[in-house]
Amino acid sequence: MDKQELKDFVLYLKRKYLGKIQDLKLEYNTDYRTPHIYLSLIRIKRLYRRQGIGTKVMRDLRRFADHHQIEIWLYATNIYGTDLDHLYAFYLKQGFQMTNKKDGRFKYKYKKVLQSV
């Protein structure tokens, strides 16, 4: 995976959920020992919140990470007014593990995908 493939994937998601995603920012980060996707922002338009759109976007993102055998890192924050307890529960439900509650750090460890020969 490279930065361009991740950029193309973001465009794919925005088209797939046209008009429902307010903003989505993914970065391919190689600054650490473990290269990873950094989910810096995901916002669903207010009209579509709590309808499962975020869950579907996260499912697609997890599948992408599984396919590329890469981790996803994020920091859950209430900068946009979202309840942190709700965010924490959401990311845990999506298969992320909290790595630091103090700063809301989460990590998704990819699942090895069996490749058919």
PDB file of N, CA and C in Angstrom:
ATOM      1  N   MET A   1       0.834  -1.173   0.000  1.00  0.00           N
ATOM      2  CA  MET A   1       0.000   0.000   0.000  1.00  0.00           C
ATOM      3  C   MET A   1       0.883   1.242   0.000  1.00  0.00           C
ATOM      4  N   ASP A   2       0.420   2.291  -0.658  1.00  0.00           N
ATOM      5  CA  ASP A   2       1.132   3.560  -0.652  1.00  0.00           C
ATOM      6  C   ASP A   2       0.126   4.693  -0.458  1.00  0.00           C
ATOM      7  N   LYS A   3       0.638   5.903  -0.391  1.00  0.00           N
ATOM      8  CA  LYS A   3      -0.214   7.064  -0.125  1.00  0.00           C
ATOM      9  C   LYS A   3      -1.288   7.240  -1.190  1.00  0.00           C
ATOM     10  N   GLN A   4      -0.944   6.998  -2.440  1.00  0.00           N
ATOM     11  CA  GLN A   4      -1.909   7.182  -3.524  1.00  0.00           C
ATOM     12  C   GLN A   4      -3.052   6.172  -3.421  1.00  0.00           C
ATOM     13  N   GLU A   5      -2.738   4.938  -3.080  1.00  0.00           N
ATOM     14  CA  GLU A   5      -3.792   3.926  -2.947  1.00  0.00           C
ATOM     15  C   GLU A   5      -4.746   4.299  -1.810  1.00  0.00           C
ATOM     16  N   LEU A   6      -4.201   4.832  -0.727  1.00  0.00           N
ATOM     17  CA  LEU A   6      -5.051   5.255   0.386  1.00  0.00           C
ATOM     18  C   LEU A   6      -5.908   6.454  -0.023  1.00  0.00           C
ATOM     19  N   LYS A   7      -5.322   7.366  -0.766  1.00  0.00           N
ATOM     20  CA  LYS A   7      -6.062   8.531  -1.270  1.00  0.00           C
ATOM     21  C   LYS A   7      -7.211   8.076  -2.178  1.00  0.00           C
ATOM     22  N   ASP A   8      -6.932   7.115  -3.051  1.00  0.00           N
ATOM     23  CA  ASP A   8      -7.967   6.571  -3.931  1.00  0.00           C
ATOM     24  C   ASP A   8      -9.070   5.890  -3.127  1.00  0.00           C
ATOM     25  N   PHE A   9      -8.694   5.224  -2.050  1.00  0.00           N
ATOM     26  CA  PHE A   9      -9.671   4.555  -1.198  1.00  0.00           C
ATOM     27  C   PHE A   9     -10.592   5.573  -0.525  1.00  0.00           C
ATOM     28  N   VAL A  10     -10.043   6.685  -0.063  1.00  0.00           N
ATOM     29  CA  VAL A  10     -10.865   7.745   0.534  1.00  0.00           C
ATOM     30  C   VAL A  10     -11.870   8.269  -0.484  1.00  0.00           C
ATOM     31  N   LEU A  11     -11.424   8.506  -1.709  1.00  0.00           N
ATOM     32  CA  LEU A  11     -12.334   8.966  -2.770  1.00  0.00           C
ATOM     33  C   LEU A  11     -13.427   7.935  -3.041  1.00  0.00           C
ATOM     34  N   TYR A  12     -13.056   6.661  -3.051  1.00  0.00           N
ATOM     35  CA  TYR A  12     -14.023   5.582  -3.232  1.00  0.00           C
ATOM     36  C   TYR A  12     -15.102   5.636  -2.132  1.00  0.00           C
ATOM     37  N   LEU A  13     -14.667   5.784  -0.884  1.00  0.00           N
ATOM     38  CA  LEU A  13     -15.632   5.835   0.224  1.00  0.00           C
ATOM     39  C   LEU A  13     -16.548   7.047   0.105  1.00  0.00           C
ATOM     40  N   LYS A  14     -15.987   8.184  -0.258  1.00  0.00           N
ATOM     41  CA  LYS A  14     -16.804   9.389  -0.395  1.00  0.00           C
ATOM     42  C   LYS A  14     -17.840   9.240  -1.509  1.00  0.00           C
ATOM     43  N   ARG A  15     -17.480   8.543  -2.575  1.00  0.00           N
ATOM     44  CA  ARG A  15     -18.451   8.291  -3.653  1.00  0.00           C
ATOM     45  C   ARG A  15     -19.487   7.258  -3.221  1.00  0.00           C
ATOM     46  N   LYS A  16     -19.027   6.217  -2.550  1.00  0.00           N
ATOM     47  CA  LYS A  16     -19.928   5.149  -2.108  1.00  0.00           C
ATOM     48  C   LYS A  16     -20.997   5.684  -1.155  1.00  0.00           C
ATOM     49  N   TYR A  17     -20.601   6.585  -0.280  1.00  0.00           N
ATOM     50  CA  TYR A  17     -21.530   7.154   0.707  1.00  0.00           C
ATOM     51  C   TYR A  17     -21.810   8.623   0.361  1.00  0.00           C
ATOM     52  N   LEU A  18     -21.990   8.869  -0.909  1.00  0.00           N
ATOM     53  CA  LEU A  18     -22.181  10.217  -1.437  1.00  0.00           C
ATOM     54  C   LEU A  18     -23.248  10.989  -0.655  1.00  0.00           C
ATOM     55  N   GLY A  19     -22.861  12.167  -0.191  1.00  0.00           N
ATOM     56  CA  GLY A  19     -23.786  13.035   0.515  1.00  0.00           C
ATOM     57  C   GLY A  19     -23.983  12.690   1.976  1.00  0.00           C
ATOM     58  N   LYS A  20     -23.351  11.624   2.454  1.00  0.00           N
ATOM     59  CA  LYS A  20     -23.535  11.199   3.844  1.00  0.00           C
ATOM     60  C   LYS A  20     -22.290  11.447   4.702  1.00  0.00           C
ATOM     61  N   ILE A  21     -21.136  11.422   4.062  1.00  0.00           N
ATOM     62  CA  ILE A  21     -19.890  11.700   4.781  1.00  0.00           C
ATOM     63  C   ILE A  21     -19.603  13.189   4.680  1.00  0.00           C
ATOM     64  N   GLN A  22     -19.472  13.834   5.836  1.00  0.00           N
ATOM     65  CA  GLN A  22     -19.137  15.252   5.840  1.00  0.00           C
ATOM     66  C   GLN A  22     -17.641  15.436   5.611  1.00  0.00           C
ATOM     67  N   ASP A  23     -16.848  14.602   6.266  1.00  0.00           N
ATOM     68  CA  ASP A  23     -15.405  14.690   6.090  1.00  0.00           C
ATOM     69  C   ASP A  23     -14.755  13.373   6.492  1.00  0.00           C
ATOM     70  N   LEU A  24     -13.710  13.003   5.799  1.00  0.00           N
ATOM     71  CA  LEU A  24     -12.965  11.779   6.074  1.00  0.00           C
ATOM     72  C   LEU A  24     -11.515  12.028   5.691  1.00  0.00           C
ATOM     73  N   LYS A  25     -10.633  11.843   6.668  1.00  0.00           N
ATOM     74  CA  LYS A  25      -9.206  12.044   6.407  1.00  0.00           C
ATOM     75  C   LYS A  25      -8.432  10.847   6.942  1.00  0.00           C
ATOM     76  N   LEU A  26      -7.749  10.183   6.033  1.00  0.00           N
ATOM     77  CA  LEU A  26      -6.872   9.060   6.365  1.00  0.00           C
ATOM     78  C   LEU A  26      -5.475   9.417   5.885  1.00  0.00           C
ATOM     79  N   GLU A  27      -4.485   9.067   6.684  1.00  0.00           N
ATOM     80  CA  GLU A  27      -3.102   9.337   6.307  1.00  0.00           C
ATOM     81  C   GLU A  27      -2.298   8.047   6.401  1.00  0.00           C
ATOM     82  N   TYR A  28      -1.391   7.858   5.457  1.00  0.00           N
ATOM     83  CA  TYR A  28      -0.474   6.726   5.513  1.00  0.00           C
ATOM     84  C   TYR A  28       0.758   7.212   6.252  1.00  0.00           C
ATOM     85  N   ASN A  29       0.995   6.676   7.438  1.00  0.00           N
ATOM     86  CA  ASN A  29       2.063   7.158   8.299  1.00  0.00           C
ATOM     87  C   ASN A  29       3.189   6.137   8.379  1.00  0.00           C
ATOM     88  N   THR A  30       4.367   6.554   7.991  1.00  0.00           N
ATOM     89  CA  THR A  30       5.537   5.677   8.052  1.00  0.00           C
ATOM     90  C   THR A  30       6.595   6.229   9.009  1.00  0.00           C
ATOM     91  N   ASP A  31       6.214   7.207   9.824  1.00  0.00           N
ATOM     92  CA  ASP A  31       7.161   7.839  10.748  1.00  0.00           C
ATOM     93  C   ASP A  31       7.497   6.975  11.959  1.00  0.00           C
ATOM     94  N   TYR A  32       6.722   5.950  12.196  1.00  0.00           N
ATOM     95  CA  TYR A  32       6.933   5.089  13.358  1.00  0.00           C
ATOM     96  C   TYR A  32       7.488   3.748  12.917  1.00  0.00           C
ATOM     97  N   ARG A  33       7.894   2.951  13.893  1.00  0.00           N
ATOM     98  CA  ARG A  33       8.423   1.614  13.616  1.00  0.00           C
ATOM     99  C   ARG A  33       7.410   0.789  12.815  1.00  0.00           C
ATOM    100  N   THR A  34       6.135   0.968  13.138  1.00  0.00           N
ATOM    101  CA  THR A  34       5.060   0.241  12.462  1.00  0.00           C
ATOM    102  C   THR A  34       4.315   1.188  11.527  1.00  0.00           C
ATOM    103  N   PRO A  35       4.456   1.036  10.218  1.00  0.00           N
ATOM    104  CA  PRO A  35       3.640   1.853   9.314  1.00  0.00           C
ATOM    105  C   PRO A  35       2.160   1.579   9.608  1.00  0.00           C
ATOM    106  N   HIS A  36       1.339   2.603   9.479  1.00  0.00           N
ATOM    107  CA  HIS A  36      -0.076   2.444   9.803  1.00  0.00           C
ATOM    108  C   HIS A  36      -0.906   3.497   9.075  1.00  0.00           C
ATOM    109  N   ILE A  37      -2.202   3.254   9.069  1.00  0.00           N
ATOM    110  CA  ILE A  37      -3.152   4.252   8.595  1.00  0.00           C
ATOM    111  C   ILE A  37      -3.561   5.059   9.815  1.00  0.00           C
ATOM    112  N   TYR A  38      -3.492   6.361   9.710  1.00  0.00           N
ATOM    113  CA  TYR A  38      -3.935   7.220  10.797  1.00  0.00           C
ATOM    114  C   TYR A  38      -5.276   7.829  10.388  1.00  0.00           C
ATOM    115  N   LEU A  39      -6.304   7.503  11.149  1.00  0.00           N
ATOM    116  CA  LEU A  39      -7.636   8.062  10.919  1.00  0.00           C
ATOM    117  C   LEU A  39      -7.704   9.380  11.682  1.00  0.00           C
ATOM    118  N   SER A  40      -7.509  10.481  10.972  1.00  0.00           N
ATOM    119  CA  SER A  40      -7.469  11.772  11.656  1.00  0.00           C
ATOM    120  C   SER A  40      -8.843  12.408  11.764  1.00  0.00           C
ATOM    121  N   LEU A  41      -9.783  12.010  10.898  1.00  0.00           N
ATOM    122  CA  LEU A  41     -11.115  12.611  10.974  1.00  0.00           C
ATOM    123  C   LEU A  41     -12.133  11.751  10.242  1.00  0.00           C
ATOM    124  N   ILE A  42     -13.246  11.525  10.896  1.00  0.00           N
ATOM    125  CA  ILE A  42     -14.415  10.940  10.242  1.00  0.00           C
ATOM    126  C   ILE A  42     -15.632  11.662  10.823  1.00  0.00           C
ATOM    127  N   ARG A  43     -16.391  12.282   9.937  1.00  0.00           N
ATOM    128  CA  ARG A  43     -17.610  12.978  10.350  1.00  0.00           C
ATOM    129  C   ARG A  43     -18.717  12.617   9.374  1.00  0.00           C
ATOM    130  N   ILE A  44     -19.795  12.152   9.929  1.00  0.00           N
ATOM    131  CA  ILE A  44     -20.986  11.835   9.148  1.00  0.00           C
ATOM    132  C   ILE A  44     -21.912  13.046   9.243  1.00  0.00           C
ATOM    133  N   LYS A  45     -22.562  13.400   8.142  1.00  0.00           N
ATOM    134  CA  LYS A  45     -23.480  14.542   8.173  1.00  0.00           C
ATOM    135  C   LYS A  45     -24.568  14.288   9.212  1.00  0.00           C
ATOM    136  N   ARG A  46     -24.936  15.346   9.905  1.00  0.00           N
ATOM    137  CA  ARG A  46     -25.877  15.265  11.017  1.00  0.00           C
ATOM    138  C   ARG A  46     -27.150  14.487  10.660  1.00  0.00           C
ATOM    139  N   LEU A  47     -27.691  14.716   9.480  1.00  0.00           N
ATOM    140  CA  LEU A  47     -28.923  14.060   9.043  1.00  0.00           C
ATOM    141  C   LEU A  47     -28.796  12.533   9.018  1.00  0.00           C
ATOM    142  N   TYR A  48     -27.571  12.024   8.828  1.00  0.00           N
ATOM    143  CA  TYR A  48     -27.356  10.580   8.682  1.00  0.00           C
ATOM    144  C   TYR A  48     -26.718   9.918   9.894  1.00  0.00           C
ATOM    145  N   ARG A  49     -26.497  10.686  10.945  1.00  0.00           N
ATOM    146  CA  ARG A  49     -25.892  10.104  12.143  1.00  0.00           C
ATOM    147  C   ARG A  49     -26.854   9.146  12.822  1.00  0.00           C
ATOM    148  N   ARG A  50     -26.245   8.161  13.481  1.00  0.00           N
ATOM    149  CA  ARG A  50     -26.987   7.127  14.226  1.00  0.00           C
ATOM    150  C   ARG A  50     -27.880   6.284  13.312  1.00  0.00           C
ATOM    151  N   GLN A  51     -27.471   6.165  12.045  1.00  0.00           N
ATOM    152  CA  GLN A  51     -28.185   5.322  11.084  1.00  0.00           C
ATOM    153  C   GLN A  51     -27.291   4.208  10.549  1.00  0.00           C
ATOM    154  N   GLY A  52     -26.107   4.047  11.133  1.00  0.00           N
ATOM    155  CA  GLY A  52     -25.218   2.972  10.732  1.00  0.00           C
ATOM    156  C   GLY A  52     -24.219   3.325   9.647  1.00  0.00           C
ATOM    157  N   ILE A  53     -24.207   4.558   9.187  1.00  0.00           N
ATOM    158  CA  ILE A  53     -23.264   4.951   8.126  1.00  0.00           C
ATOM    159  C   ILE A  53     -21.828   4.879   8.636  1.00  0.00           C
ATOM    160  N   GLY A  54     -21.581   5.403   9.828  1.00  0.00           N
ATOM    161  CA  GLY A  54     -20.239   5.345  10.404  1.00  0.00           C
ATOM    162  C   GLY A  54     -19.765   3.915  10.564  1.00  0.00           C
ATOM    163  N   THR A  55     -20.657   3.043  10.975  1.00  0.00           N
ATOM    164  CA  THR A  55     -20.321   1.621  11.123  1.00  0.00           C
ATOM    165  C   THR A  55     -19.948   1.018   9.772  1.00  0.00           C
ATOM    166  N   LYS A  56     -20.676   1.372   8.731  1.00  0.00           N
ATOM    167  CA  LYS A  56     -20.376   0.843   7.390  1.00  0.00           C
ATOM    168  C   LYS A  56     -19.035   1.368   6.878  1.00  0.00           C
ATOM    169  N   VAL A  57     -18.774   2.641   7.100  1.00  0.00           N
ATOM    170  CA  VAL A  57     -17.490   3.219   6.666  1.00  0.00           C
ATOM    171  C   VAL A  57     -16.343   2.533   7.407  1.00  0.00           C
ATOM    172  N   MET A  58     -16.515   2.339   8.715  1.00  0.00           N
ATOM    173  CA  MET A  58     -15.470   1.680   9.497  1.00  0.00           C
ATOM    174  C   MET A  58     -15.281   0.225   9.068  1.00  0.00           C
ATOM    175  N   ARG A  59     -16.353  -0.448   8.715  1.00  0.00           N
ATOM    176  CA  ARG A  59     -16.246  -1.828   8.220  1.00  0.00           C
ATOM    177  C   ARG A  59     -15.411  -1.856   6.942  1.00  0.00           C
ATOM    178  N   ASP A  60     -15.685  -0.930   6.033  1.00  0.00           N
ATOM    179  CA  ASP A  60     -14.909  -0.860   4.789  1.00  0.00           C
ATOM    180  C   ASP A  60     -13.440  -0.544   5.077  1.00  0.00           C
ATOM    181  N   LEU A  61     -13.201   0.337   6.023  1.00  0.00           N
ATOM    182  CA  LEU A  61     -11.826   0.691   6.389  1.00  0.00           C
ATOM    183  C   LEU A  61     -11.104  -0.498   7.008  1.00  0.00           C
ATOM    184  N   ARG A  62     -11.775  -1.245   7.873  1.00  0.00           N
ATOM    185  CA  ARG A  62     -11.153  -2.432   8.475  1.00  0.00           C
ATOM    186  C   ARG A  62     -10.833  -3.472   7.414  1.00  0.00           C
ATOM    187  N   ARG A  63     -11.711  -3.654   6.462  1.00  0.00           N
ATOM    188  CA  ARG A  63     -11.446  -4.614   5.370  1.00  0.00           C
ATOM    189  C   ARG A  63     -10.234  -4.189   4.550  1.00  0.00           C
ATOM    190  N   PHE A  64     -10.137  -2.897   4.285  1.00  0.00           N
ATOM    191  CA  PHE A  64      -8.987  -2.359   3.554  1.00  0.00           C
ATOM    192  C   PHE A  64      -7.703  -2.638   4.344  1.00  0.00           C
ATOM    193  N   ALA A  65      -7.728  -2.358   5.641  1.00  0.00           N
ATOM    194  CA  ALA A  65      -6.556  -2.598   6.494  1.00  0.00           C
ATOM    195  C   ALA A  65      -6.214  -4.084   6.548  1.00  0.00           C
ATOM    196  N   ASP A  66      -7.222  -4.925   6.672  1.00  0.00           N
ATOM    197  CA  ASP A  66      -6.986  -6.372   6.701  1.00  0.00           C
ATOM    198  C   ASP A  66      -6.325  -6.824   5.397  1.00  0.00           C
ATOM    199  N   HIS A  67      -6.849  -6.337   4.285  1.00  0.00           N
ATOM    200  CA  HIS A  67      -6.305  -6.715   2.973  1.00  0.00           C
ATOM    201  C   HIS A  67      -4.835  -6.321   2.848  1.00  0.00           C
ATOM    202  N   HIS A  68      -4.494  -5.142   3.364  1.00  0.00           N
ATOM    203  CA  HIS A  68      -3.120  -4.637   3.255  1.00  0.00           C
ATOM    204  C   HIS A  68      -2.257  -4.978   4.468  1.00  0.00           C
ATOM    205  N   GLN A  69      -2.846  -5.689   5.422  1.00  0.00           N
ATOM    206  CA  GLN A  69      -2.151  -6.091   6.648  1.00  0.00           C
ATOM    207  C   GLN A  69      -1.450  -4.890   7.287  1.00  0.00           C
ATOM    208  N   ILE A  70      -2.265  -3.890   7.586  1.00  0.00           N
ATOM    209  CA  ILE A  70      -1.760  -2.661   8.191  1.00  0.00           C
ATOM    210  C   ILE A  70      -2.680  -2.247   9.338  1.00  0.00           C
ATOM    211  N   GLU A  71      -2.098  -1.659  10.370  1.00  0.00           N
ATOM    212  CA  GLU A  71      -2.878  -1.207  11.519  1.00  0.00           C
ATOM    213  C   GLU A  71      -3.540   0.135  11.219  1.00  0.00           C
ATOM    214  N   ILE A  72      -4.588   0.435  11.997  1.00  0.00           N
ATOM    215  CA  ILE A  72      -5.242   1.742  11.957  1.00  0.00           C
ATOM    216  C   ILE A  72      -5.089   2.347  13.347  1.00  0.00           C
ATOM    217  N   TRP A  73      -4.626   3.566  13.417  1.00  0.00           N
ATOM    218  CA  TRP A  73      -4.490   4.277  14.684  1.00  0.00           C
ATOM    219  C   TRP A  73      -5.409   5.490  14.654  1.00  0.00           C
ATOM    220  N   LEU A  74      -5.904   5.883  15.822  1.00  0.00           N
ATOM    221  CA  LEU A  74      -6.709   7.096  15.918  1.00  0.00           C
ATOM    222  C   LEU A  74      -6.708   7.616  17.341  1.00  0.00           C
ATOM    223  N   TYR A  75      -7.090   8.868  17.477  1.00  0.00           N
ATOM    224  CA  TYR A  75      -7.309   9.503  18.777  1.00  0.00           C
ATOM    225  C   TYR A  75      -8.759   9.959  18.791  1.00  0.00           C
ATOM    226  N   ALA A  76      -9.561   9.392  19.683  1.00  0.00           N
ATOM    227  CA  ALA A  76     -10.956   9.808  19.816  1.00  0.00           C
ATOM    228  C   ALA A  76     -10.984  11.106  20.614  1.00  0.00           C
ATOM    229  N   THR A  77     -11.639  12.114  20.061  1.00  0.00           N
ATOM    230  CA  THR A  77     -11.686  13.418  20.712  1.00  0.00           C
ATOM    231  C   THR A  77     -13.088  14.002  20.629  1.00  0.00           C
ATOM    232  N   ASN A  78     -13.411  14.850  21.567  1.00  0.00           N
ATOM    233  CA  ASN A  78     -14.719  15.499  21.556  1.00  0.00           C
ATOM    234  C   ASN A  78     -14.631  16.918  21.007  1.00  0.00           C
ATOM    235  N   ILE A  79     -13.646  17.173  20.173  1.00  0.00           N
ATOM    236  CA  ILE A  79     -13.436  18.506  19.614  1.00  0.00           C
ATOM    237  C   ILE A  79     -14.663  19.012  18.852  1.00  0.00           C
ATOM    238  N   TYR A  80     -15.450  18.099  18.287  1.00  0.00           N
ATOM    239  CA  TYR A  80     -16.655  18.496  17.547  1.00  0.00           C
ATOM    240  C   TYR A  80     -17.915  18.316  18.385  1.00  0.00           C
ATOM    241  N   GLY A  81     -17.735  18.135  19.688  1.00  0.00           N
ATOM    242  CA  GLY A  81     -18.879  18.061  20.581  1.00  0.00           C
ATOM    243  C   GLY A  81     -19.458  16.675  20.801  1.00  0.00           C
ATOM    244  N   THR A  82     -18.839  15.649  20.255  1.00  0.00           N
ATOM    245  CA  THR A  82     -19.330  14.288  20.433  1.00  0.00           C
ATOM    246  C   THR A  82     -19.002  13.793  21.835  1.00  0.00           C
ATOM    247  N   ASP A  83     -19.916  13.049  22.415  1.00  0.00           N
ATOM    248  CA  ASP A  83     -19.717  12.477  23.739  1.00  0.00           C
ATOM    249  C   ASP A  83     -18.601  11.424  23.671  1.00  0.00           C
ATOM    250  N   LEU A  84     -17.572  11.591  24.511  1.00  0.00           N
ATOM    251  CA  LEU A  84     -16.429  10.679  24.474  1.00  0.00           C
ATOM    252  C   LEU A  84     -16.812   9.248  24.826  1.00  0.00           C
ATOM    253  N   ASP A  85     -17.704   9.056  25.800  1.00  0.00           N
ATOM    254  CA  ASP A  85     -18.123   7.698  26.150  1.00  0.00           C
ATOM    255  C   ASP A  85     -18.761   7.006  24.951  1.00  0.00           C
ATOM    256  N   HIS A  86     -19.555   7.763  24.194  1.00  0.00           N
ATOM    257  CA  HIS A  86     -20.182   7.203  22.983  1.00  0.00           C
ATOM    258  C   HIS A  86     -19.111   6.852  21.942  1.00  0.00           C
ATOM    259  N   LEU A  87     -18.152   7.743  21.746  1.00  0.00           N
ATOM    260  CA  LEU A  87     -17.073   7.479  20.788  1.00  0.00           C
ATOM    261  C   LEU A  87     -16.255   6.257  21.193  1.00  0.00           C
ATOM    262  N   TYR A  88     -15.888   6.192  22.478  1.00  0.00           N
ATOM    263  CA  TYR A  88     -15.106   5.055  22.959  1.00  0.00           C
ATOM    264  C   TYR A  88     -15.857   3.756  22.712  1.00  0.00           C
ATOM    265  N   ALA A  89     -17.136   3.728  23.037  1.00  0.00           N
ATOM    266  CA  ALA A  89     -17.946   2.529  22.826  1.00  0.00           C
ATOM    267  C   ALA A  89     -18.021   2.184  21.334  1.00  0.00           C
ATOM    268  N   PHE A  90     -18.166   3.205  20.495  1.00  0.00           N
ATOM    269  CA  PHE A  90     -18.242   2.985  19.045  1.00  0.00           C
ATOM    270  C   PHE A  90     -16.973   2.323  18.529  1.00  0.00           C
ATOM    271  N   TYR A  91     -15.802   2.866  18.882  1.00  0.00           N
ATOM    272  CA  TYR A  91     -14.552   2.310  18.373  1.00  0.00           C
ATOM    273  C   TYR A  91     -14.272   0.918  18.943  1.00  0.00           C
ATOM    274  N   LEU A  92     -14.621   0.688  20.182  1.00  0.00           N
ATOM    275  CA  LEU A  92     -14.453  -0.653  20.750  1.00  0.00           C
ATOM    276  C   LEU A  92     -15.339  -1.650  20.004  1.00  0.00           C
ATOM    277  N   LYS A  93     -16.556  -1.238  19.691  1.00  0.00           N
ATOM    278  CA  LYS A  93     -17.487  -2.099  18.946  1.00  0.00           C
ATOM    279  C   LYS A  93     -16.957  -2.394  17.536  1.00  0.00           C
ATOM    280  N   GLN A  94     -16.166  -1.481  16.991  1.00  0.00           N
ATOM    281  CA  GLN A  94     -15.611  -1.650  15.643  1.00  0.00           C
ATOM    282  C   GLN A  94     -14.345  -2.502  15.622  1.00  0.00           C
ATOM    283  N   GLY A  95     -13.946  -3.030  16.777  1.00  0.00           N
ATOM    284  CA  GLY A  95     -12.779  -3.911  16.815  1.00  0.00           C
ATOM    285  C   GLY A  95     -11.479  -3.217  17.190  1.00  0.00           C
ATOM    286  N   PHE A  96     -11.550  -1.945  17.572  1.00  0.00           N
ATOM    287  CA  PHE A  96     -10.359  -1.226  18.013  1.00  0.00           C
ATOM    288  C   PHE A  96     -10.089  -1.556  19.471  1.00  0.00           C
ATOM    289  N   GLN A  97      -8.847  -1.418  19.856  1.00  0.00           N
ATOM    290  CA  GLN A  97      -8.452  -1.588  21.254  1.00  0.00           C
ATOM    291  C   GLN A  97      -7.976  -0.244  21.766  1.00  0.00           C
ATOM    292  N   MET A  98      -8.420   0.105  22.974  1.00  0.00           N
ATOM    293  CA  MET A  98      -7.944   1.348  23.566  1.00  0.00           C
ATOM    294  C   MET A  98      -6.524   1.109  24.069  1.00  0.00           C
ATOM    295  N   THR A  99      -5.611   1.958  23.661  1.00  0.00           N
ATOM    296  CA  THR A  99      -4.232   1.810  24.104  1.00  0.00           C
ATOM    297  C   THR A  99      -3.846   2.865  25.130  1.00  0.00           C
ATOM    298  N   ASN A 100      -4.656   3.926  25.237  1.00  0.00           N
ATOM    299  CA  ASN A 100      -4.397   4.951  26.248  1.00  0.00           C
ATOM    300  C   ASN A 100      -5.677   5.755  26.467  1.00  0.00           C
ATOM    301  N   LYS A 101      -6.368   5.485  27.571  1.00  0.00           N
ATOM    302  CA  LYS A 101      -7.639   6.173  27.828  1.00  0.00           C
ATOM    303  C   LYS A 101      -7.439   7.662  28.082  1.00  0.00           C
ATOM    304  N   LYS A 102      -6.314   8.033  28.664  1.00  0.00           N
ATOM    305  CA  LYS A 102      -6.058   9.431  29.005  1.00  0.00           C
ATOM    306  C   LYS A 102      -6.133  10.340  27.777  1.00  0.00           C
ATOM    307  N   ASP A 103      -5.590   9.881  26.655  1.00  0.00           N
ATOM    308  CA  ASP A 103      -5.634  10.718  25.453  1.00  0.00           C
ATOM    309  C   ASP A 103      -6.534  10.138  24.354  1.00  0.00           C
ATOM    310  N   GLY A 104      -7.305   9.109  24.695  1.00  0.00           N
ATOM    311  CA  GLY A 104      -8.261   8.559  23.734  1.00  0.00           C
ATOM    312  C   GLY A 104      -7.621   7.843  22.569  1.00  0.00           C
ATOM    313  N   ARG A 105      -6.471   7.226  22.796  1.00  0.00           N
ATOM    314  CA  ARG A 105      -5.747   6.547  21.722  1.00  0.00           C
ATOM    315  C   ARG A 105      -6.311   5.136  21.502  1.00  0.00           C
ATOM    316  N   PHE A 106      -6.562   4.811  20.234  1.00  0.00           N
ATOM    317  CA  PHE A 106      -7.068   3.488  19.852  1.00  0.00           C
ATOM    318  C   PHE A 106      -6.209   2.932  18.724  1.00  0.00           C
ATOM    319  N   LYS A 107      -6.229   1.606  18.620  1.00  0.00           N
ATOM    320  CA  LYS A 107      -5.504   0.939  17.536  1.00  0.00           C
ATOM    321  C   LYS A 107      -6.346  -0.246  17.056  1.00  0.00           C
ATOM    322  N   TYR A 108      -6.373  -0.433  15.739  1.00  0.00           N
ATOM    323  CA  TYR A 108      -6.994  -1.611  15.145  1.00  0.00           C
ATOM    324  C   TYR A 108      -5.878  -2.463  14.580  1.00  0.00           C
ATOM    325  N   LYS A 109      -5.785  -3.683  15.046  1.00  0.00           N
ATOM    326  CA  LYS A 109      -4.789  -4.621  14.534  1.00  0.00           C
ATOM    327  C   LYS A 109      -5.461  -5.443  13.446  1.00  0.00           C
ATOM    328  N   TYR A 110      -4.904  -5.405  12.258  1.00  0.00           N
ATOM    329  CA  TYR A 110      -5.490  -6.127  11.126  1.00  0.00           C
ATOM    330  C   TYR A 110      -5.585  -7.618  11.422  1.00  0.00           C
ATOM    331  N   LYS A 111      -6.552  -8.228  10.779  1.00  0.00           N
ATOM    332  CA  LYS A 111      -6.694  -9.674  10.831  1.00  0.00           C
ATOM    333  C   LYS A 111      -6.054 -10.236   9.576  1.00  0.00           C
ATOM    334  N   LYS A 112      -5.290 -11.274   9.741  1.00  0.00           N
ATOM    335  CA  LYS A 112      -4.660 -11.885   8.566  1.00  0.00           C
ATOM    336  C   LYS A 112      -5.736 -12.442   7.653  1.00  0.00           C
ATOM    337  N   VAL A 113      -5.685 -12.043   6.434  1.00  0.00           N
ATOM    338  CA  VAL A 113      -6.648 -12.500   5.431  1.00  0.00           C
ATOM    339  C   VAL A 113      -6.028 -13.700   4.721  1.00  0.00           C
ATOM    340  N   LEU A 114      -6.769 -14.781   4.683  1.00  0.00           N
ATOM    341  CA  LEU A 114      -6.268 -15.960   3.974  1.00  0.00           C
ATOM    342  C   LEU A 114      -6.347 -15.713   2.466  1.00  0.00           C
ATOM    343  N   GLN A 115      -5.241 -15.815   1.829  1.00  0.00           N
ATOM    344  CA  GLN A 115      -5.183 -15.626   0.393  1.00  0.00           C
ATOM    345  C   GLN A 115      -5.432 -16.961  -0.302  1.00  0.00           C
ATOM    346  N   SER A 116      -6.340 -16.973  -1.245  1.00  0.00           N
ATOM    347  CA  SER A 116      -6.560 -18.221  -1.989  1.00  0.00           C
ATOM    348  C   SER A 116      -5.479 -18.364  -3.046  1.00  0.00           C
ATOM    349  N   VAL A 117      -5.004 -19.580  -3.174  1.00  0.00           N
ATOM    350  CA  VAL A 117      -3.884 -19.863  -4.076  1.00  0.00           C
ATOM    351  C   VAL A 117      -4.381 -20.248  -5.439  1.00  0.00           C
TER     352      VAL A 117
END
